[in-house]
Amino acid sequence: MAHAQIQEPVTISIRARKRQRDLIDQAAERLGRSRSDFMLEASCREAQDVLIDQTFFTVNAKTFKWFQDMMANPLPTTDALRRLLLTKAPWDK
C-alpha cells in the first residue's frame, strides 16, 4: 500500500479589509473552524473548480456522436424530475 507523502506546512499571507476579515471570521465561527482552516478550505475548493472548468478532454467520434444525440434528444421528463425541479434548495428555504 502506498503511503501519502507528508508535506511540511507553509505560510500563505494575504491582505484583507476589516469587513472582509470580519465576514470570514463570522462564517468560520458558525462552522466551528479557525479563520485559517475556513479560508484554506474555501480557497482550495475554488481552485479545484477553476481547474476542473478548464480541463480539456477528448472522445472518439462515436462517443461524441452519442453525446450530441443525447443533447439533441433528451429523455422525457418524469414525475421524479418534476419533483426535484420544484424542490427549493436548502439555501432558499
C-alpha atoms as a PDB file:
ATOM      1  CA  MET A   1       0.000   0.000   0.000  1.00  0.00           C
ATOM      2  CA  ALA A   2       1.391   3.413  -0.978  1.00  0.00           C
ATOM      3  CA  HIS A   3       1.830   5.962   1.778  1.00  0.00           C
ATOM      4  CA  ALA A   4       0.783   9.562   1.282  1.00  0.00           C
ATOM      5  CA  GLN A   5       3.743  11.881   1.291  1.00  0.00           C
ATOM      6  CA  ILE A   6       3.635  14.121   4.362  1.00  0.00           C
ATOM      7  CA  GLN A   7       4.359  17.697   3.383  1.00  0.00           C
ATOM      8  CA  GLU A   8       5.604  20.423   5.631  1.00  0.00           C
ATOM      9  CA  PRO A   9       3.131  23.279   6.174  1.00  0.00           C
ATOM     10  CA  VAL A  10       3.894  26.607   4.512  1.00  0.00           C
ATOM     11  CA  THR A  11       2.662  30.094   5.298  1.00  0.00           C
ATOM     12  CA  ILE A  12       0.337  31.980   2.948  1.00  0.00           C
ATOM     13  CA  SER A  13      -0.173  35.663   3.725  1.00  0.00           C
ATOM     14  CA  ILE A  14      -2.913  37.877   2.292  1.00  0.00           C
ATOM     15  CA  ARG A  15      -4.192  41.350   2.998  1.00  0.00           C
ATOM     16  CA  ALA A  16      -7.887  41.947   3.574  1.00  0.00           C
ATOM     17  CA  ARG A  17     -10.149  44.781   4.557  1.00  0.00           C
ATOM     18  CA  LYS A  18     -11.555  44.701   8.078  1.00  0.00           C
ATOM     19  CA  ARG A  19     -15.085  43.988   6.852  1.00  0.00           C
ATOM     20  CA  GLN A  20     -13.792  41.074   4.772  1.00  0.00           C
ATOM     21  CA  ARG A  21     -11.909  39.644   7.745  1.00  0.00           C
ATOM     22  CA  ASP A  22     -14.965  40.070   9.955  1.00  0.00           C
ATOM     23  CA  LEU A  23     -17.193  38.302   7.422  1.00  0.00           C
ATOM     24  CA  ILE A  24     -14.746  35.412   7.157  1.00  0.00           C
ATOM     25  CA  ASP A  25     -14.443  35.193  10.930  1.00  0.00           C
ATOM     26  CA  GLN A  26     -18.209  35.135  11.344  1.00  0.00           C
ATOM     27  CA  ALA A  27     -18.622  32.308   8.840  1.00  0.00           C
ATOM     28  CA  ALA A  28     -15.704  30.334  10.288  1.00  0.00           C
ATOM     29  CA  GLU A  29     -17.127  30.708  13.793  1.00  0.00           C
ATOM     30  CA  ARG A  30     -20.519  29.408  12.645  1.00  0.00           C
ATOM     31  CA  LEU A  31     -18.787  26.283  11.368  1.00  0.00           C
ATOM     32  CA  GLY A  32     -16.620  25.933  14.464  1.00  0.00           C
ATOM     33  CA  ARG A  33     -13.439  26.433  12.464  1.00  0.00           C
ATOM     34  CA  SER A  34     -10.464  28.696  12.628  1.00  0.00           C
ATOM     35  CA  ARG A  35     -10.099  31.521  10.148  1.00  0.00           C
ATOM     36  CA  SER A  36      -7.128  29.755   8.549  1.00  0.00           C
ATOM     37  CA  ASP A  37      -8.948  26.439   8.149  1.00  0.00           C
ATOM     38  CA  PHE A  38     -12.013  28.157   6.728  1.00  0.00           C
ATOM     39  CA  MET A  39     -10.010  30.241   4.242  1.00  0.00           C
ATOM     40  CA  LEU A  40      -7.814  27.358   3.143  1.00  0.00           C
ATOM     41  CA  GLU A  41     -10.778  25.058   2.523  1.00  0.00           C
ATOM     42  CA  ALA A  42     -12.710  27.740   0.611  1.00  0.00           C
ATOM     43  CA  SER A  43      -9.656  28.668  -1.456  1.00  0.00           C
ATOM     44  CA  CYS A  44      -8.872  25.062  -2.332  1.00  0.00           C
ATOM     45  CA  ARG A  45     -12.496  24.404  -3.311  1.00  0.00           C
ATOM     46  CA  GLU A  46     -12.467  27.448  -5.623  1.00  0.00           C
ATOM     47  CA  ALA A  47      -9.089  26.456  -7.084  1.00  0.00           C
ATOM     48  CA  GLN A  48     -10.412  22.969  -7.870  1.00  0.00           C
ATOM     49  CA  ASP A  49     -13.493  24.457  -9.556  1.00  0.00           C
ATOM     50  CA  VAL A  50     -11.331  26.720 -11.718  1.00  0.00           C
ATOM     51  CA  LEU A  51      -9.082  23.853 -12.764  1.00  0.00           C
ATOM     52  CA  ILE A  52     -11.983  21.487 -13.421  1.00  0.00           C
ATOM     53  CA  ASP A  53     -13.727  24.112 -15.564  1.00  0.00           C
ATOM     54  CA  GLN A  54     -10.616  24.411 -17.700  1.00  0.00           C
ATOM     55  CA  THR A  55      -9.957  20.707 -18.115  1.00  0.00           C
ATOM     56  CA  PHE A  56      -9.795  19.584 -21.718  1.00  0.00           C
ATOM     57  CA  PHE A  57     -10.767  16.067 -22.666  1.00  0.00           C
ATOM     58  CA  THR A  58     -11.234  14.226 -25.929  1.00  0.00           C
ATOM     59  CA  VAL A  59     -13.524  11.437 -27.033  1.00  0.00           C
ATOM     60  CA  ASN A  60     -13.676   9.372 -30.154  1.00  0.00           C
ATOM     61  CA  ALA A  61     -16.150  10.186 -32.946  1.00  0.00           C
ATOM     62  CA  LYS A  62     -18.647   7.508 -31.882  1.00  0.00           C
ATOM     63  CA  THR A  63     -18.811   8.780 -28.291  1.00  0.00           C
ATOM     64  CA  PHE A  64     -19.098  12.383 -29.451  1.00  0.00           C
ATOM     65  CA  LYS A  65     -21.983  11.458 -31.786  1.00  0.00           C
ATOM     66  CA  TRP A  66     -23.736   9.680 -28.880  1.00  0.00           C
ATOM     67  CA  PHE A  67     -23.263  12.794 -26.727  1.00  0.00           C
ATOM     68  CA  GLN A  68     -24.647  15.088 -29.440  1.00  0.00           C
ATOM     69  CA  ASP A  69     -27.652  12.783 -29.923  1.00  0.00           C
ATOM     70  CA  MET A  70     -28.356  12.788 -26.168  1.00  0.00           C
ATOM     71  CA  MET A  71     -28.205  16.593 -26.084  1.00  0.00           C
ATOM     72  CA  ALA A  72     -30.478  16.918 -29.127  1.00  0.00           C
ATOM     73  CA  ASN A  73     -32.972  14.324 -27.870  1.00  0.00           C
ATOM     74  CA  PRO A  74     -33.130  14.416 -24.062  1.00  0.00           C
ATOM     75  CA  LEU A  75     -35.021  11.763 -22.156  1.00  0.00           C
ATOM     76  CA  PRO A  76     -38.665  12.569 -21.378  1.00  0.00           C
ATOM     77  CA  THR A  77     -39.474  14.399 -18.164  1.00  0.00           C
ATOM     78  CA  THR A  78     -40.548  12.118 -15.324  1.00  0.00           C
ATOM     79  CA  ASP A  79     -42.514  12.799 -12.146  1.00  0.00           C
ATOM     80  CA  ALA A  80     -39.301  12.380 -10.140  1.00  0.00           C
ATOM     81  CA  LEU A  81     -37.599  15.070 -12.222  1.00  0.00           C
ATOM     82  CA  ARG A  82     -40.577  17.410 -11.864  1.00  0.00           C
ATOM     83  CA  ARG A  83     -40.492  16.980  -8.065  1.00  0.00           C
ATOM     84  CA  LEU A  84     -36.759  17.616  -7.998  1.00  0.00           C
ATOM     85  CA  LEU A  85     -37.089  20.804 -10.053  1.00  0.00           C
ATOM     86  CA  LEU A  86     -39.885  22.069  -7.793  1.00  0.00           C
ATOM     87  CA  THR A  87     -37.937  21.417  -4.586  1.00  0.00           C
ATOM     88  CA  LYS A  88     -36.438  24.516  -3.014  1.00  0.00           C
ATOM     89  CA  ALA A  89     -32.693  24.483  -2.493  1.00  0.00           C
ATOM     90  CA  PRO A  90     -31.686  24.369   1.183  1.00  0.00           C
ATOM     91  CA  TRP A  91     -30.319  27.930   0.962  1.00  0.00           C
ATOM     92  CA  ASP A  92     -33.656  29.188  -0.393  1.00  0.00           C
ATOM     93  CA  LYS A  93     -35.703  27.767   2.498  1.00  0.00           C
END
